[in-house]
């Protein structure tokens, strides 16, 4: 599968999905607005983890 490694572990896509997101309600007759804020890791770095 495209979302798993050969060992069956989850495959991460940090380049495209490393952000926090929230939808802003703009009113009943308006489309909501998506706000994205990039995540910055200073103490703990992103890493692939194995749960085996």
PDB file of N, CA and C in Angstrom:
ATOM      1  N   UNK A   1       0.837  -1.193   0.000  1.00  0.00           N
ATOM      2  CA  UNK A   1       0.000   0.000   0.000  1.00  0.00           C
ATOM      3  C   UNK A   1       0.878   1.250   0.000  1.00  0.00           C
ATOM      4  N   UNK A   2       0.335   2.345  -0.454  1.00  0.00           N
ATOM      5  CA  UNK A   2       1.131   3.556  -0.571  1.00  0.00           C
ATOM      6  C   UNK A   2       1.338   4.272   0.768  1.00  0.00           C
ATOM      7  N   UNK A   3       0.616   3.862   1.816  1.00  0.00           N
ATOM      8  CA  UNK A   3       0.735   4.521   3.112  1.00  0.00           C
ATOM      9  C   UNK A   3       1.417   3.643   4.152  1.00  0.00           C
ATOM     10  N   UNK A   4       2.077   2.585   3.674  1.00  0.00           N
ATOM     11  CA  UNK A   4       2.763   1.679   4.581  1.00  0.00           C
ATOM     12  C   UNK A   4       4.155   1.358   4.043  1.00  0.00           C
ATOM     13  N   UNK A   5       5.069   1.074   4.971  1.00  0.00           N
ATOM     14  CA  UNK A   5       6.388   0.597   4.579  1.00  0.00           C
ATOM     15  C   UNK A   5       6.273  -0.879   4.213  1.00  0.00           C
ATOM     16  N   UNK A   6       7.362  -1.474   3.769  1.00  0.00           N
ATOM     17  CA  UNK A   6       7.354  -2.899   3.437  1.00  0.00           C
ATOM     18  C   UNK A   6       7.048  -3.758   4.660  1.00  0.00           C
ATOM     19  N   UNK A   7       7.386  -3.246   5.861  1.00  0.00           N
ATOM     20  CA  UNK A   7       7.129  -3.979   7.103  1.00  0.00           C
ATOM     21  C   UNK A   7       5.723  -3.755   7.641  1.00  0.00           C
ATOM     22  N   UNK A   8       4.915  -2.954   6.948  1.00  0.00           N
ATOM     23  CA  UNK A   8       3.546  -2.695   7.398  1.00  0.00           C
ATOM     24  C   UNK A   8       3.407  -1.513   8.345  1.00  0.00           C
ATOM     25  N   UNK A   9       4.503  -0.788   8.575  1.00  0.00           N
ATOM     26  CA  UNK A   9       4.448   0.392   9.442  1.00  0.00           C
ATOM     27  C   UNK A   9       3.871   1.574   8.670  1.00  0.00           C
ATOM     28  N   UNK A  10       3.334   2.534   9.388  1.00  0.00           N
ATOM     29  CA  UNK A  10       2.771   3.737   8.760  1.00  0.00           C
ATOM     30  C   UNK A  10       3.876   4.534   8.070  1.00  0.00           C
ATOM     31  N   UNK A  11       3.581   5.028   6.885  1.00  0.00           N
ATOM     32  CA  UNK A  11       4.526   5.852   6.129  1.00  0.00           C
ATOM     33  C   UNK A  11       4.124   7.308   6.302  1.00  0.00           C
ATOM     34  N   UNK A  12       5.038   8.120   6.794  1.00  0.00           N
ATOM     35  CA  UNK A  12       4.748   9.526   7.097  1.00  0.00           C
ATOM     36  C   UNK A  12       5.047  10.426   5.911  1.00  0.00           C
ATOM     37  N   UNK A  13       4.310  11.540   5.830  1.00  0.00           N
ATOM     38  CA  UNK A  13       4.542  12.556   4.800  1.00  0.00           C
ATOM     39  C   UNK A  13       4.654  13.909   5.507  1.00  0.00           C
ATOM     40  N   UNK A  14       5.733  14.074   6.277  1.00  0.00           N
ATOM     41  CA  UNK A  14       5.915  15.293   7.065  1.00  0.00           C
ATOM     42  C   UNK A  14       6.088  16.530   6.197  1.00  0.00           C
ATOM     43  N   UNK A  15       6.609  16.380   5.002  1.00  0.00           N
ATOM     44  CA  UNK A  15       6.832  17.533   4.127  1.00  0.00           C
ATOM     45  C   UNK A  15       5.509  18.211   3.763  1.00  0.00           C
ATOM     46  N   UNK A  16       4.462  17.432   3.577  1.00  0.00           N
ATOM     47  CA  UNK A  16       3.177  17.988   3.156  1.00  0.00           C
ATOM     48  C   UNK A  16       2.141  18.111   4.280  1.00  0.00           C
ATOM     49  N   UNK A  17       2.373  17.461   5.418  1.00  0.00           N
ATOM     50  CA  UNK A  17       1.352  17.444   6.458  1.00  0.00           C
ATOM     51  C   UNK A  17       1.893  17.780   7.835  1.00  0.00           C
ATOM     52  N   UNK A  18       2.869  18.643   7.923  1.00  0.00           N
ATOM     53  CA  UNK A  18       3.447  19.033   9.214  1.00  0.00           C
ATOM     54  C   UNK A  18       2.921  20.420   9.586  1.00  0.00           C
ATOM     55  N   UNK A  19       1.632  20.469   9.937  1.00  0.00           N
ATOM     56  CA  UNK A  19       1.013  21.739  10.304  1.00  0.00           C
ATOM     57  C   UNK A  19      -0.164  21.488  11.225  1.00  0.00           C
ATOM     58  N   UNK A  20      -0.576  22.525  11.900  1.00  0.00           N
ATOM     59  CA  UNK A  20      -1.795  22.515  12.696  1.00  0.00           C
ATOM     60  C   UNK A  20      -2.837  23.279  11.890  1.00  0.00           C
ATOM     61  N   UNK A  21      -4.073  22.814  11.909  1.00  0.00           N
ATOM     62  CA  UNK A  21      -5.108  23.447  11.089  1.00  0.00           C
ATOM     63  C   UNK A  21      -6.385  23.669  11.895  1.00  0.00           C
ATOM     64  N   UNK A  22      -7.093  24.722  11.527  1.00  0.00           N
ATOM     65  CA  UNK A  22      -8.385  25.022  12.150  1.00  0.00           C
ATOM     66  C   UNK A  22      -9.273  25.723  11.126  1.00  0.00           C
ATOM     67  N   UNK A  23     -10.546  25.388  11.148  1.00  0.00           N
ATOM     68  CA  UNK A  23     -11.516  26.037  10.259  1.00  0.00           C
ATOM     69  C   UNK A  23     -12.147  27.219  10.983  1.00  0.00           C
ATOM     70  N   UNK A  24     -12.283  28.333  10.288  1.00  0.00           N
ATOM     71  CA  UNK A  24     -12.939  29.526  10.836  1.00  0.00           C
ATOM     72  C   UNK A  24     -14.332  29.659  10.222  1.00  0.00           C
ATOM     73  N   UNK A  25     -15.335  29.695  11.076  1.00  0.00           N
ATOM     74  CA  UNK A  25     -16.716  29.876  10.635  1.00  0.00           C
ATOM     75  C   UNK A  25     -16.905  31.329  10.218  1.00  0.00           C
ATOM     76  N   UNK A  26     -17.391  31.554   9.010  1.00  0.00           N
ATOM     77  CA  UNK A  26     -17.554  32.903   8.456  1.00  0.00           C
ATOM     78  C   UNK A  26     -19.014  33.326   8.346  1.00  0.00           C
ATOM     79  N   UNK A  27     -19.906  32.514   8.846  1.00  0.00           N
ATOM     80  CA  UNK A  27     -21.324  32.836   8.762  1.00  0.00           C
ATOM     81  C   UNK A  27     -22.079  31.758   8.011  1.00  0.00           C
ATOM     82  N   UNK A  28     -23.375  31.755   8.159  1.00  0.00           N
ATOM     83  CA  UNK A  28     -24.210  30.719   7.563  1.00  0.00           C
ATOM     84  C   UNK A  28     -24.127  30.728   6.041  1.00  0.00           C
ATOM     85  N   UNK A  29     -24.093  31.878   5.419  1.00  0.00           N
ATOM     86  CA  UNK A  29     -24.087  31.969   3.959  1.00  0.00           C
ATOM     87  C   UNK A  29     -22.692  32.082   3.353  1.00  0.00           C
ATOM     88  N   UNK A  30     -21.650  31.824   4.144  1.00  0.00           N
ATOM     89  CA  UNK A  30     -20.268  31.953   3.652  1.00  0.00           C
ATOM     90  C   UNK A  30     -19.520  30.640   3.807  1.00  0.00           C
ATOM     91  N   UNK A  31     -18.522  30.473   2.970  1.00  0.00           N
ATOM     92  CA  UNK A  31     -17.655  29.304   3.067  1.00  0.00           C
ATOM     93  C   UNK A  31     -16.704  29.479   4.255  1.00  0.00           C
ATOM     94  N   UNK A  32     -16.431  28.406   5.000  1.00  0.00           N
ATOM     95  CA  UNK A  32     -15.452  28.512   6.091  1.00  0.00           C
ATOM     96  C   UNK A  32     -14.048  28.699   5.516  1.00  0.00           C
ATOM     97  N   UNK A  33     -13.164  29.254   6.330  1.00  0.00           N
ATOM     98  CA  UNK A  33     -11.785  29.494   5.912  1.00  0.00           C
ATOM     99  C   UNK A  33     -10.855  28.571   6.685  1.00  0.00           C
ATOM    100  N   UNK A  34      -9.963  27.898   5.964  1.00  0.00           N
ATOM    101  CA  UNK A  34      -8.993  27.002   6.585  1.00  0.00           C
ATOM    102  C   UNK A  34      -7.719  27.780   6.908  1.00  0.00           C
ATOM    103  N   UNK A  35      -7.308  27.713   8.168  1.00  0.00           N
ATOM    104  CA  UNK A  35      -6.058  28.339   8.613  1.00  0.00           C
ATOM    105  C   UNK A  35      -5.058  27.228   8.913  1.00  0.00           C
ATOM    106  N   UNK A  36      -3.840  27.367   8.383  1.00  0.00           N
ATOM    107  CA  UNK A  36      -2.770  26.393   8.637  1.00  0.00           C
ATOM    108  C   UNK A  36      -1.575  27.109   9.240  1.00  0.00           C
ATOM    109  N   UNK A  37      -0.994  26.479  10.248  1.00  0.00           N
ATOM    110  CA  UNK A  37       0.198  27.017  10.906  1.00  0.00           C
ATOM    111  C   UNK A  37       1.269  25.932  10.924  1.00  0.00           C
ATOM    112  N   UNK A  38       2.419  26.195  10.313  1.00  0.00           N
ATOM    113  CA  UNK A  38       3.487  25.182  10.300  1.00  0.00           C
ATOM    114  C   UNK A  38       3.937  24.831  11.713  1.00  0.00           C
ATOM    115  N   UNK A  39       4.266  23.571  11.928  1.00  0.00           N
ATOM    116  CA  UNK A  39       4.772  23.129  13.221  1.00  0.00           C
ATOM    117  C   UNK A  39       6.289  23.241  13.229  1.00  0.00           C
ATOM    118  N   UNK A  40       6.828  23.751  14.319  1.00  0.00           N
ATOM    119  CA  UNK A  40       8.272  23.867  14.488  1.00  0.00           C
ATOM    120  C   UNK A  40       8.682  23.028  15.689  1.00  0.00           C
ATOM    121  N   UNK A  41       9.613  22.132  15.479  1.00  0.00           N
ATOM    122  CA  UNK A  41      10.075  21.253  16.540  1.00  0.00           C
ATOM    123  C   UNK A  41      11.475  21.684  16.964  1.00  0.00           C
ATOM    124  N   UNK A  42      11.609  22.104  18.215  1.00  0.00           N
ATOM    125  CA  UNK A  42      12.896  22.576  18.717  1.00  0.00           C
ATOM    126  C   UNK A  42      13.539  21.572  19.670  1.00  0.00           C
ATOM    127  N   UNK A  43      12.752  20.930  20.515  1.00  0.00           N
ATOM    128  CA  UNK A  43      13.287  19.996  21.504  1.00  0.00           C
ATOM    129  C   UNK A  43      13.178  18.543  21.034  1.00  0.00           C
ATOM    130  N   UNK A  44      12.081  18.215  20.399  1.00  0.00           N
ATOM    131  CA  UNK A  44      11.853  16.857  19.898  1.00  0.00           C
ATOM    132  C   UNK A  44      11.784  16.936  18.384  1.00  0.00           C
ATOM    133  N   UNK A  45      12.544  16.110  17.712  1.00  0.00           N
ATOM    134  CA  UNK A  45      12.583  16.135  16.253  1.00  0.00           C
ATOM    135  C   UNK A  45      11.679  15.065  15.679  1.00  0.00           C
ATOM    136  N   UNK A  46      11.125  15.335  14.512  1.00  0.00           N
ATOM    137  CA  UNK A  46      10.279  14.358  13.844  1.00  0.00           C
ATOM    138  C   UNK A  46      11.099  13.122  13.496  1.00  0.00           C
ATOM    139  N   UNK A  47      10.499  11.962  13.723  1.00  0.00           N
ATOM    140  CA  UNK A  47      11.194  10.710  13.411  1.00  0.00           C
ATOM    141  C   UNK A  47      10.157   9.624  13.160  1.00  0.00           C
ATOM    142  N   UNK A  48      10.532   8.677  12.352  1.00  0.00           N
ATOM    143  CA  UNK A  48       9.690   7.500  12.124  1.00  0.00           C
ATOM    144  C   UNK A  48       9.904   6.576  13.304  1.00  0.00           C
ATOM    145  N   UNK A  49       8.814   6.114  13.887  1.00  0.00           N
ATOM    146  CA  UNK A  49       8.903   5.236  15.050  1.00  0.00           C
ATOM    147  C   UNK A  49       8.399   3.847  14.690  1.00  0.00           C
ATOM    148  N   UNK A  50       8.992   2.862  15.289  1.00  0.00           N
ATOM    149  CA  UNK A  50       8.555   1.484  15.093  1.00  0.00           C
ATOM    150  C   UNK A  50       7.896   1.011  16.378  1.00  0.00           C
ATOM    151  N   UNK A  51       6.758   0.367  16.247  1.00  0.00           N
ATOM    152  CA  UNK A  51       6.039  -0.120  17.421  1.00  0.00           C
ATOM    153  C   UNK A  51       6.128  -1.646  17.546  1.00  0.00           C
ATOM    154  N   UNK A  52       7.150  -2.217  16.912  1.00  0.00           N
ATOM    155  CA  UNK A  52       7.352  -3.677  16.996  1.00  0.00           C
ATOM    156  C   UNK A  52       8.012  -4.055  18.289  1.00  0.00           C
TER     157      UNK A  52
END
